[in-house]
Protein backbone atom coordinates (compact mmCIF):
# COMPACT_ATOMS: atom_id res chain seq x y z
CA MET A 1 92.11 113.85 81.53
CA LYS A 2 89.85 110.81 81.61
CA ASN A 3 90.54 110.27 85.31
CA VAL A 4 89.47 113.84 86.09
CA GLU A 5 86.18 113.33 84.21
CA ARG A 6 85.43 110.12 86.11
CA THR A 7 86.21 111.80 89.44
CA THR A 8 84.01 114.82 88.77
CA GLY A 9 81.22 112.53 87.59
CA LEU A 10 81.46 110.52 90.81
CA ILE A 11 81.41 113.71 92.89
CA GLY A 12 78.32 114.86 91.01
CA LEU A 13 76.61 111.51 91.59
CA ILE A 14 77.39 111.63 95.31
CA LEU A 15 76.09 115.19 95.56
CA LEU A 16 72.88 114.23 93.74
CA ALA A 17 72.32 111.31 96.11
CA ALA A 18 73.08 113.53 99.12
CA PHE A 19 70.60 116.12 97.88
CA PHE A 20 67.77 113.59 97.50
CA ALA A 21 68.58 111.52 100.62
CA PRO A 22 66.56 113.57 103.16
CA TYR A 23 63.51 113.56 100.88
CA ILE A 24 63.79 109.82 100.29
CA TRP A 25 63.97 109.08 104.02
CA LYS A 26 61.37 111.58 105.22
CA LEU A 27 58.60 111.45 102.60
CA PRO A 28 55.64 109.30 103.60
CA GLN A 29 54.41 108.86 100.01
CA LEU A 30 55.83 105.72 98.48
CA ASP A 31 55.25 106.79 94.86
CA ILE A 32 57.29 110.00 95.12
CA THR A 33 60.03 108.17 97.00
CA LEU A 34 60.25 105.58 94.21
CA ILE A 35 60.43 108.31 91.56
CA MET A 36 63.35 109.95 93.40
CA LEU A 37 65.10 106.61 93.84
CA MET A 38 64.72 105.89 90.13
CA GLY A 39 66.19 109.30 89.30
CA VAL A 40 69.28 108.54 91.38
CA ALA A 41 69.43 105.03 89.91
CA LEU A 42 69.32 106.38 86.34
CA ALA A 43 72.12 108.83 87.12
CA ALA A 44 74.19 106.00 88.62
CA TYR A 45 73.50 103.79 85.61
CA ASP A 46 74.61 106.55 83.26
CA TYR A 47 77.77 107.10 85.29
CA PHE A 48 78.78 103.43 85.28
CA THR A 49 77.92 102.76 81.63
CA SER A 50 79.57 105.85 80.16
CA GLY A 51 83.07 104.72 81.11
CA GLY A 52 84.07 103.65 77.59
CA LYS A 53 83.35 106.96 75.90
């Protein structure tokens, strides 16, 4: 069951990054782009550090 949880978490992370990708590339404001990048980075950090639970 652990493998299924890791796979669904990875799919969710990929979908989150795919959702924010057009906004990150197209927005001219640097501050909003950095906020979106940090949101994706925090989700990725949570995914990679929650492996032992």
